[in-house]
């Protein structure tokens, strides 16, 4: 199950409920220490040096509890009180060039600006440019507002306890939080709070997609139509098609413009490729439609734009719209219960809202709600760091996978194809939100796996990896 995004006070209430249920603080600290150690081991190699920075509170206790599980590493410990002597000790330990810092200086209890000695200590940590694993919240960051309290540790990974805190998702917090991960199994009682924002966990997809039964055939798994590709952008049509293939619908037909047909068709084997024309029938034999990847040339035919508008407004089957085709969407109502999905990045969302990317980023949740409301209560995948999935009402899900190396041309085309390939399958159309969330998570998880393997992967590698990452 996903976990809610909560405030500091809600976290405190959750802890009180846990102690009332009979769990001990010592046991939770022990388990948090194990989680921190597992992550520290994954970020380092045998024999590497790890420096643990531990403060006076529970956050420091969590960091100290990791030490006993790091026997294969050389571990140094700084019990910091903020005195000038601690800065001298830190400087001496940094000269040993640890491979990883574990930040356990301050937790969510910090509620006032830091003093000068703490600011100097944290600034020295950041100046060292050593990868840092932060326990629960980057030291010095307000976990409700996402604002640094004078200074804050800049983490590579923040392993927050139980559930994400509201401030960790703020745009102002991103430079300090780094990659946000959740240690959800630490012995806490069931969370007594709910939130409109839900953090995705890999285990949300443990039984998805469901296993196929033996007595089926390609007709059982849908037929996806893709409308994509124009002069100068034909690669997007190829990448979207390959992404769709990894979802394994029964059939895929790509409709592309005649100007790029002979560049696209030889690159695709199992995908059928047709030249788009105003006479192309895009509803009669298909179970879903994707429109948009690579339709960015200046001479896109007006009839193609009109076709996209009509499909969005009138088609009863699922319609997924991406990239340039987002600008063609009408504000008209869509058929009741029809599945509509749009996948804008912040710049595209800003155009749809007639605003600016900065305004979208400042309140991504509100931007998603507004876009969905304007365009038929569609499902919206607001891409970017911590991609959001939801619509005008109901819960919105934050994707937990992915990394900055997805910021390559073609990444969105692969995602759009993969997502459409899933929603084209009749058995998966009963819960389109789950299919959309899984597509986004799998896309990011594939990128994470590739980045762990090598540093020079590209979009063909990403498409090939899709669907192979286990949800556990």
Protein backbone atom coordinates (compact mmCIF):
# COMPACT_ATOMS: atom_id res chain seq x y z
CA UNK A 1 0.00 0.00 0.00
CA UNK A 2 1.17 3.56 -0.66
CA UNK A 3 1.89 5.71 2.39
CA UNK A 4 0.45 9.17 3.10
CA UNK A 5 2.46 12.37 3.11
CA UNK A 6 2.18 13.75 6.65
CA UNK A 7 3.11 16.74 8.80
CA UNK A 8 5.49 16.76 11.75
CA UNK A 9 2.59 16.83 14.20
CA UNK A 10 0.96 13.86 12.45
CA UNK A 11 4.26 11.98 12.70
CA UNK A 12 4.41 12.74 16.42
CA UNK A 13 0.84 11.51 16.80
CA UNK A 14 1.77 8.34 14.90
CA UNK A 15 4.69 7.76 17.25
CA UNK A 16 2.44 8.24 20.31
CA UNK A 17 -0.02 5.71 18.88
CA UNK A 18 2.87 3.28 18.38
CA UNK A 19 4.09 3.59 21.99
CA UNK A 20 0.51 3.25 23.26
CA UNK A 21 0.19 0.01 21.30
CA UNK A 22 3.12 -1.46 23.25
CA UNK A 23 5.99 -0.94 20.81
CA UNK A 24 9.18 0.49 22.31
CA UNK A 25 11.24 3.40 21.03
CA UNK A 26 14.35 1.25 21.35
CA UNK A 27 12.96 -1.37 18.96
CA UNK A 28 11.95 1.23 16.37
CA UNK A 29 15.41 2.84 16.62
CA UNK A 30 17.01 -0.58 16.15
CA UNK A 31 14.98 -1.21 13.00
CA UNK A 32 15.66 2.25 11.61
CA UNK A 33 19.36 1.63 12.19
CA UNK A 34 19.11 -1.57 10.16
CA UNK A 35 17.41 0.30 7.29
CA UNK A 36 20.04 3.03 7.34
CA UNK A 37 22.82 0.45 7.32
CA UNK A 38 21.29 -1.43 4.37
CA UNK A 39 21.13 1.76 2.36
CA UNK A 40 24.67 2.74 3.37
CA UNK A 41 25.95 -0.65 2.26
CA UNK A 42 24.23 -0.26 -1.10
CA UNK A 43 25.89 3.14 -1.58
CA UNK A 44 29.41 1.91 -0.79
CA UNK A 45 31.84 -0.95 -1.45
CA UNK A 46 33.43 -3.41 1.02
CA UNK A 47 36.28 -1.72 2.84
CA UNK A 48 35.01 1.81 2.19
CA UNK A 49 35.08 4.35 5.00
CA UNK A 50 31.76 5.68 6.31
CA UNK A 51 31.55 8.71 8.59
CA UNK A 52 28.48 8.87 10.84
CA UNK A 53 27.51 12.29 12.17
CA UNK A 54 25.26 11.78 15.19
CA UNK A 55 23.48 14.48 17.16
CA UNK A 56 21.92 14.35 20.61
CA UNK A 57 18.33 13.41 19.72
CA UNK A 58 16.54 10.37 18.33
CA UNK A 59 17.91 11.14 14.88
CA UNK A 60 21.42 10.67 16.27
CA UNK A 61 20.34 7.44 17.95
CA UNK A 62 19.03 6.14 14.62
CA UNK A 63 22.38 6.91 12.98
CA UNK A 64 24.36 5.30 15.80
CA UNK A 65 22.19 2.17 15.58
CA UNK A 66 23.42 1.64 12.02
CA UNK A 67 27.02 1.15 13.08
CA UNK A 68 26.74 -2.45 14.30
CA UNK A 69 25.44 -3.51 10.88
CA UNK A 70 28.39 -2.02 8.96
CA UNK A 71 31.08 -4.56 9.87
CA UNK A 72 32.31 -4.77 6.26
CA UNK A 73 33.04 -1.03 6.22
CA UNK A 74 35.47 1.15 8.15
CA UNK A 75 33.22 3.32 10.30
CA UNK A 76 34.10 6.60 11.98
CA UNK A 77 31.72 8.33 14.39
CA UNK A 78 31.41 11.99 15.30
CA UNK A 79 29.12 12.62 18.28
CA UNK A 80 28.41 16.27 17.57
CA UNK A 81 27.28 18.87 20.08
CA UNK A 82 27.86 21.91 17.90
CA UNK A 83 30.97 23.18 19.68
CA UNK A 84 33.96 24.61 17.85
CA UNK A 85 35.86 21.45 18.76
CA UNK A 86 33.40 19.41 16.70
CA UNK A 87 34.31 21.38 13.59
CA UNK A 88 37.98 20.58 14.18
CA UNK A 89 37.15 16.88 14.61
CA UNK A 90 35.03 16.97 11.47
CA UNK A 91 37.86 18.50 9.46
CA UNK A 92 40.22 15.79 10.65
CA UNK A 93 37.77 13.02 9.75
CA UNK A 94 37.03 14.52 6.33
CA UNK A 95 40.75 14.36 5.53
CA UNK A 96 40.36 10.57 5.64
CA UNK A 97 38.09 10.96 2.56
CA UNK A 98 35.15 8.78 3.57
CA UNK A 99 33.12 7.32 0.71
CA UNK A 100 29.85 8.22 2.46
CA UNK A 101 28.58 10.49 5.21
CA UNK A 102 25.56 9.46 7.29
CA UNK A 103 23.78 12.56 8.54
CA UNK A 104 22.03 12.08 11.88
CA UNK A 105 22.59 15.54 13.36
CA UNK A 106 18.99 16.82 13.54
CA UNK A 107 15.59 15.33 12.90
CA UNK A 108 12.05 16.66 12.63
CA UNK A 109 12.23 18.15 16.12
CA UNK A 110 14.31 21.12 14.98
CA UNK A 111 11.99 24.12 15.30
CA UNK A 112 14.25 27.17 15.43
CA UNK A 113 17.13 28.66 13.43
CA UNK A 114 20.50 27.05 13.90
CA UNK A 115 23.25 28.78 15.82
CA UNK A 116 26.50 29.90 14.17
CA UNK A 117 28.49 26.83 15.24
CA UNK A 118 25.93 24.44 13.72
CA UNK A 119 25.75 26.49 10.55
CA UNK A 120 29.54 26.30 10.21
CA UNK A 121 29.48 22.54 10.78
CA UNK A 122 26.77 21.93 8.16
CA UNK A 123 28.42 24.24 5.66
CA UNK A 124 31.65 22.28 6.08
CA UNK A 125 29.76 19.03 5.41
CA UNK A 126 28.38 20.47 2.19
CA UNK A 127 31.73 21.89 1.11
CA UNK A 128 33.27 18.41 1.36
CA UNK A 129 31.11 17.23 -1.55
CA UNK A 130 31.00 13.68 -0.19
CA UNK A 131 27.82 11.68 -0.93
CA UNK A 132 25.56 11.96 2.09
CA UNK A 133 22.83 9.65 3.33
CA UNK A 134 20.47 11.58 5.58
CA UNK A 135 18.36 9.93 8.27
CA UNK A 136 14.71 11.04 8.15
CA UNK A 137 15.27 14.69 7.16
CA UNK A 138 18.36 16.65 6.05
CA UNK A 139 19.76 18.26 9.19
CA UNK A 140 18.71 21.90 9.37
CA UNK A 141 15.70 21.53 7.05
CA UNK A 142 12.23 22.27 8.38
CA UNK A 143 10.25 19.12 7.58
CA UNK A 144 6.95 21.03 7.41
CA UNK A 145 7.95 23.98 5.25
CA UNK A 146 10.93 22.63 3.29
CA UNK A 147 12.96 25.71 4.25
CA UNK A 148 16.50 25.53 5.70
CA UNK A 149 16.80 26.96 9.19
CA UNK A 150 19.99 28.87 8.55
CA UNK A 151 21.69 25.96 6.79
CA UNK A 152 20.82 22.39 5.80
CA UNK A 153 22.75 19.31 4.75
CA UNK A 154 22.65 18.62 1.01
CA UNK A 155 21.95 14.91 0.82
CA UNK A 156 22.35 12.52 -2.08
CA UNK A 157 19.70 10.29 -0.49
CA UNK A 158 17.21 11.06 2.28
CA UNK A 159 15.83 7.95 3.97
CA UNK A 160 12.78 9.25 5.78
CA UNK A 161 11.13 7.17 8.50
CA UNK A 162 7.57 5.88 8.23
CA UNK A 163 6.25 8.30 5.61
CA UNK A 164 7.37 11.40 3.71
CA UNK A 165 7.02 14.66 5.57
CA UNK A 166 5.25 17.51 3.78
CA UNK A 167 8.27 19.78 3.57
CA UNK A 168 10.44 17.16 1.88
CA UNK A 169 8.30 17.48 -1.26
CA UNK A 170 8.56 21.27 -1.53
CA UNK A 171 10.57 22.60 -4.46
CA UNK A 172 12.69 24.58 -1.98
CA UNK A 173 13.68 21.31 -0.29
CA UNK A 174 14.79 19.44 -3.42
CA UNK A 175 18.44 20.67 -3.37
CA UNK A 176 18.78 19.32 0.18
CA UNK A 177 16.67 16.15 0.05
CA UNK A 178 18.21 14.60 -3.07
CA UNK A 179 16.60 11.24 -3.75
CA UNK A 180 13.77 10.66 -1.30
CA UNK A 181 13.20 7.12 -0.05
CA UNK A 182 10.96 5.78 2.71
CA UNK A 183 11.85 3.29 5.44
CA UNK A 184 8.28 2.08 5.90
CA UNK A 185 8.84 -1.18 7.81
CA UNK A 186 10.37 -0.01 11.09
CA UNK A 187 7.85 -1.34 13.62
CA UNK A 188 5.46 1.60 13.73
CA UNK A 189 1.74 0.99 14.29
CA UNK A 190 -0.56 1.46 11.27
CA UNK A 191 -0.54 5.12 10.35
CA UNK A 192 -3.64 6.83 11.84
CA UNK A 193 -3.64 9.61 9.23
CA UNK A 194 -4.71 9.99 5.62
CA UNK A 195 -3.59 12.45 2.97
CA UNK A 196 -4.57 13.47 -0.54
CA UNK A 197 -0.89 12.92 -1.43
CA UNK A 198 0.24 9.30 -1.43
CA UNK A 199 3.82 8.05 -1.76
CA UNK A 200 4.21 5.07 -4.10
CA UNK A 201 6.01 1.99 -2.83
CA UNK A 202 7.31 -0.77 -5.15
CA UNK A 203 5.17 -3.36 -3.39
CA UNK A 204 2.06 -1.51 -4.60
CA UNK A 205 2.57 -3.45 -7.84
CA UNK A 206 3.45 -6.86 -6.42
CA UNK A 207 0.67 -8.62 -8.39
CA UNK A 208 0.69 -6.35 -11.43
CA UNK A 209 0.39 -6.93 -14.31
CA UNK A 210 -1.60 -10.09 -13.59
CA UNK A 211 -0.43 -13.38 -15.06
CA UNK A 212 -1.94 -14.27 -18.42
CA UNK A 213 -4.08 -17.36 -18.73
CA UNK A 214 -3.14 -20.10 -21.17
CA UNK A 215 -6.21 -20.06 -23.43
CA UNK A 216 -5.69 -16.58 -24.87
CA UNK A 217 -4.36 -15.05 -28.08
CA UNK A 218 -3.18 -11.67 -29.34
CA UNK A 219 -6.75 -10.52 -29.75
CA UNK A 220 -7.18 -10.88 -26.00
CA UNK A 221 -4.67 -8.14 -25.24
CA UNK A 222 -5.86 -5.20 -27.27
CA UNK A 223 -4.75 -3.25 -30.30
CA UNK A 224 -2.97 0.05 -29.73
CA UNK A 225 -2.97 2.81 -32.34
CA UNK A 226 -0.08 5.29 -32.15
CA UNK A 227 -0.16 8.56 -34.09
CA UNK A 228 3.39 9.87 -34.02
CA UNK A 229 6.39 11.14 -35.95
CA UNK A 230 7.08 14.06 -38.27
CA UNK A 231 10.01 15.44 -40.24
CA UNK A 232 12.94 15.89 -37.88
CA UNK A 233 11.18 14.01 -35.08
CA UNK A 234 10.72 10.53 -36.49
CA UNK A 235 12.75 8.95 -33.67
CA UNK A 236 9.99 9.75 -31.21
CA UNK A 237 7.61 7.51 -33.15
CA UNK A 238 10.13 4.67 -32.99
CA UNK A 239 10.77 5.10 -29.27
CA UNK A 240 7.07 5.31 -28.43
CA UNK A 241 6.45 2.14 -30.45
CA UNK A 242 9.27 0.30 -28.71
CA UNK A 243 8.01 1.44 -25.34
CA UNK A 244 4.56 0.15 -26.24
CA UNK A 245 6.00 -3.20 -27.28
CA UNK A 246 7.46 -3.68 -23.79
CA UNK A 247 3.94 -3.46 -22.37
CA UNK A 248 2.99 -6.32 -24.74
CA UNK A 249 -0.45 -5.45 -26.06
CA UNK A 250 -1.68 -7.91 -28.67
CA UNK A 251 -1.13 -5.58 -31.64
CA UNK A 252 0.37 -2.16 -32.30
CA UNK A 253 -0.19 -0.01 -35.39
CA UNK A 254 1.81 3.16 -35.85
CA UNK A 255 0.25 5.85 -38.05
CA UNK A 256 2.92 8.28 -39.17
CA UNK A 257 3.24 11.01 -41.77
CA UNK A 258 4.30 10.07 -45.27
CA UNK A 259 7.36 12.34 -45.01
CA UNK A 260 8.92 10.06 -42.38
CA UNK A 261 7.33 6.70 -43.20
CA UNK A 262 10.42 5.34 -44.94
CA UNK A 263 12.66 6.39 -42.06
CA UNK A 264 10.40 4.84 -39.43
CA UNK A 265 9.08 1.61 -40.94
CA UNK A 266 12.45 -0.17 -41.43
CA UNK A 267 13.23 0.26 -37.71
CA UNK A 268 10.14 -1.62 -36.52
CA UNK A 269 9.43 -5.31 -37.01
CA UNK A 270 6.39 -6.47 -35.03
CA UNK A 271 4.78 -3.02 -35.09
CA UNK A 272 2.61 -2.41 -38.14
CA UNK A 273 3.31 0.96 -39.77
CA UNK A 274 0.80 2.90 -41.87
CA UNK A 275 0.86 6.29 -43.54
CA UNK A 276 -1.58 8.59 -41.77
CA UNK A 277 -4.21 10.29 -43.91
CA UNK A 278 -7.51 12.03 -43.14
CA UNK A 279 -9.19 8.79 -44.18
CA UNK A 280 -7.39 6.74 -41.50
CA UNK A 281 -9.85 4.95 -39.22
CA UNK A 282 -8.62 5.31 -35.66
CA UNK A 283 -11.46 3.91 -33.59
CA UNK A 284 -13.09 0.92 -35.25
CA UNK A 285 -10.49 -1.79 -34.57
CA UNK A 286 -8.45 -0.34 -31.72
CA UNK A 287 -8.66 -0.62 -27.93
CA UNK A 288 -6.64 2.55 -27.15
CA UNK A 289 -4.97 5.44 -28.95
CA UNK A 290 -1.77 7.37 -28.26
CA UNK A 291 -1.23 10.67 -30.07
CA UNK A 292 1.58 13.15 -29.87
CA UNK A 293 5.16 11.81 -29.79
CA UNK A 294 7.24 13.54 -32.45
CA UNK A 295 4.40 15.60 -33.91
CA UNK A 296 6.41 18.80 -33.51
CA UNK A 297 7.18 19.83 -37.09
CA UNK A 298 5.85 23.17 -38.26
CA UNK A 299 3.81 21.63 -41.09
CA UNK A 300 1.61 19.17 -39.16
CA UNK A 301 -1.58 18.89 -41.24
CA UNK A 302 -4.58 20.63 -39.75
CA UNK A 303 -6.75 17.54 -40.35
CA UNK A 304 -4.43 15.57 -38.04
CA UNK A 305 -4.91 18.16 -35.31
CA UNK A 306 -8.67 18.03 -35.84
CA UNK A 307 -8.63 14.25 -35.70
CA UNK A 308 -6.87 14.39 -32.34
CA UNK A 309 -9.44 16.85 -31.01
CA UNK A 310 -12.33 14.66 -32.16
CA UNK A 311 -10.78 11.55 -30.64
CA UNK A 312 -10.34 13.30 -27.32
CA UNK A 313 -13.87 14.68 -27.32
CA UNK A 314 -15.80 11.74 -28.74
CA UNK A 315 -13.95 8.39 -28.59
CA UNK A 316 -15.21 5.81 -26.09
CA UNK A 317 -11.87 4.01 -25.94
CA UNK A 318 -8.89 5.22 -23.86
CA UNK A 319 -6.97 8.13 -25.40
CA UNK A 320 -3.46 9.08 -24.27
CA UNK A 321 -2.06 12.42 -25.43
CA UNK A 322 1.54 13.51 -25.10
CA UNK A 323 3.99 16.17 -26.27
CA UNK A 324 2.93 18.59 -29.04
CA UNK A 325 -0.58 17.12 -29.32
CA UNK A 326 -1.35 18.48 -25.85
CA UNK A 327 -1.66 21.91 -27.44
CA UNK A 328 -4.46 20.70 -29.71
CA UNK A 329 -6.81 19.48 -26.99
CA UNK A 330 -10.28 21.02 -26.73
CA UNK A 331 -11.84 22.13 -23.45
CA UNK A 332 -15.04 20.24 -24.34
CA UNK A 333 -16.54 17.55 -22.07
CA UNK A 334 -15.61 13.95 -22.84
CA UNK A 335 -17.86 10.86 -22.71
CA UNK A 336 -18.77 9.76 -19.20
CA UNK A 337 -16.30 7.17 -17.82
CA UNK A 338 -14.05 7.49 -20.88
CA UNK A 339 -10.38 7.12 -19.97
CA UNK A 340 -8.31 10.17 -20.89
CA UNK A 341 -4.63 10.49 -19.98
CA UNK A 342 -2.25 13.39 -20.58
CA UNK A 343 1.46 13.39 -19.76
CA UNK A 344 2.80 16.96 -19.63
CA UNK A 345 6.14 18.09 -18.31
CA UNK A 346 6.07 21.40 -16.36
CA UNK A 347 6.55 23.52 -19.48
CA UNK A 348 3.66 21.80 -21.27
CA UNK A 349 1.47 22.06 -18.17
CA UNK A 350 2.25 25.77 -18.04
CA UNK A 351 1.07 26.17 -21.64
CA UNK A 352 -2.14 24.29 -20.89
CA UNK A 353 -2.74 26.59 -17.91
CA UNK A 354 -1.51 29.71 -19.71
CA UNK A 355 0.99 30.26 -16.94
CA UNK A 356 4.67 29.72 -16.37
CA UNK A 357 6.74 26.64 -15.52
CA UNK A 358 7.84 28.36 -12.29
CA UNK A 359 4.24 28.71 -11.22
CA UNK A 360 3.56 25.05 -11.99
CA UNK A 361 6.60 23.96 -10.00
CA UNK A 362 5.68 26.16 -7.07
CA UNK A 363 2.47 24.16 -6.53
CA UNK A 364 2.55 20.99 -8.61
CA UNK A 365 -0.50 19.51 -6.90
CA UNK A 366 -2.66 22.53 -7.70
CA UNK A 367 -1.36 22.56 -11.28
CA UNK A 368 -2.27 18.91 -11.76
CA UNK A 369 -5.77 19.46 -10.35
CA UNK A 370 -6.33 22.48 -12.59
CA UNK A 371 -5.12 20.77 -15.77
CA UNK A 372 -7.33 17.76 -15.10
CA UNK A 373 -10.34 19.96 -14.40
CA UNK A 374 -9.88 21.88 -17.65
CA UNK A 375 -9.48 18.78 -19.78
CA UNK A 376 -12.35 16.47 -19.00
CA UNK A 377 -11.26 15.29 -15.54
CA UNK A 378 -8.46 13.45 -17.31
CA UNK A 379 -5.77 11.46 -15.58
CA UNK A 380 -2.67 13.66 -15.49
CA UNK A 381 0.93 12.48 -15.29
CA UNK A 382 2.78 15.66 -14.31
CA UNK A 383 6.32 14.62 -15.13
CA UNK A 384 9.54 15.74 -13.52
CA UNK A 385 11.21 15.21 -10.17
CA UNK A 386 8.70 13.28 -8.03
CA UNK A 387 6.20 12.81 -10.88
CA UNK A 388 2.57 13.21 -9.79
CA UNK A 389 -0.30 11.03 -11.01
CA UNK A 390 -3.94 11.93 -10.36
CA UNK A 391 -6.81 14.07 -11.50
CA UNK A 392 -9.06 16.90 -10.38
CA UNK A 393 -10.35 15.11 -7.28
CA UNK A 394 -9.23 12.15 -5.21
CA UNK A 395 -5.82 10.97 -4.16
CA UNK A 396 -2.70 12.01 -6.05
CA UNK A 397 0.23 9.62 -6.15
CA UNK A 398 3.88 10.62 -6.04
CA UNK A 399 6.18 8.37 -8.00
CA UNK A 400 9.17 7.17 -6.00
CA UNK A 401 11.43 5.86 -8.78
CA UNK A 402 13.66 7.52 -11.38
CA UNK A 403 16.75 9.71 -11.45
CA UNK A 404 18.10 12.83 -13.18
CA UNK A 405 19.49 10.79 -16.08
CA UNK A 406 15.94 10.40 -17.39
CA UNK A 407 16.39 14.00 -18.52
CA UNK A 408 17.20 12.92 -22.07
CA UNK A 409 15.33 13.47 -25.31
CA UNK A 410 13.03 10.50 -25.95
CA UNK A 411 12.40 9.58 -22.32
CA UNK A 412 8.83 10.87 -22.44
CA UNK A 413 8.18 9.11 -25.74
CA UNK A 414 9.19 5.77 -24.23
CA UNK A 415 6.95 6.41 -21.22
CA UNK A 416 3.96 7.44 -23.35
CA UNK A 417 4.25 4.31 -25.46
CA UNK A 418 4.64 2.00 -22.48
CA UNK A 419 1.71 3.60 -20.63
CA UNK A 420 -0.55 3.42 -23.70
CA UNK A 421 0.47 -0.19 -24.30
CA UNK A 422 -0.79 -1.05 -20.83
CA UNK A 423 -4.11 0.83 -20.99
CA UNK A 424 -4.80 -0.74 -24.40
CA UNK A 425 -5.17 -4.14 -22.73
CA UNK A 426 -8.79 -4.93 -21.85
CA UNK A 427 -7.91 -6.74 -18.62
CA UNK A 428 -6.03 -3.68 -17.35
CA UNK A 429 -8.68 -1.12 -18.28
CA UNK A 430 -10.77 -1.87 -15.19
CA UNK A 431 -8.23 0.04 -13.08
CA UNK A 432 -6.57 2.61 -15.34
CA UNK A 433 -4.99 4.45 -12.41
CA UNK A 434 -3.06 1.35 -11.36
CA UNK A 435 -1.86 0.83 -14.93
CA UNK A 436 -0.75 4.45 -15.21
CA UNK A 437 1.02 4.41 -11.84
CA UNK A 438 2.77 1.17 -12.73
CA UNK A 439 3.94 2.55 -16.08
CA UNK A 440 5.47 5.61 -14.41
CA UNK A 441 7.07 3.57 -11.63
CA UNK A 442 8.47 0.94 -14.01
CA UNK A 443 9.88 3.67 -16.27
CA UNK A 444 11.74 5.24 -13.35
CA UNK A 445 12.81 1.92 -11.85
CA UNK A 446 14.25 0.82 -15.19
CA UNK A 447 16.29 4.04 -15.27
CA UNK A 448 17.49 3.41 -11.71
CA UNK A 449 18.59 -0.10 -12.65
CA UNK A 450 20.41 1.11 -15.74
CA UNK A 451 22.19 3.85 -13.80
CA UNK A 452 23.41 1.27 -11.28
CA UNK A 453 24.82 -0.82 -14.14
CA UNK A 454 26.57 1.90 -16.14
CA UNK A 455 26.69 5.63 -16.63
CA UNK A 456 26.20 5.86 -20.41
CA UNK A 457 22.81 4.29 -21.06
CA UNK A 458 20.37 5.84 -23.53
CA UNK A 459 16.78 5.57 -24.65
CA UNK A 460 17.07 2.31 -26.56
CA UNK A 461 18.46 0.75 -23.37
CA UNK A 462 15.58 2.19 -21.36
CA UNK A 463 12.98 0.79 -23.73
CA UNK A 464 14.65 -2.63 -23.60
CA UNK A 465 14.68 -2.60 -19.78
CA UNK A 466 11.02 -1.68 -19.32
CA UNK A 467 8.91 -4.32 -17.65
CA UNK A 468 11.83 -6.26 -16.20
CA UNK A 469 12.08 -4.60 -12.78
CA UNK A 470 10.62 -6.65 -9.94
CA UNK A 471 8.17 -4.89 -7.63
CA UNK A 472 9.68 -5.72 -4.26
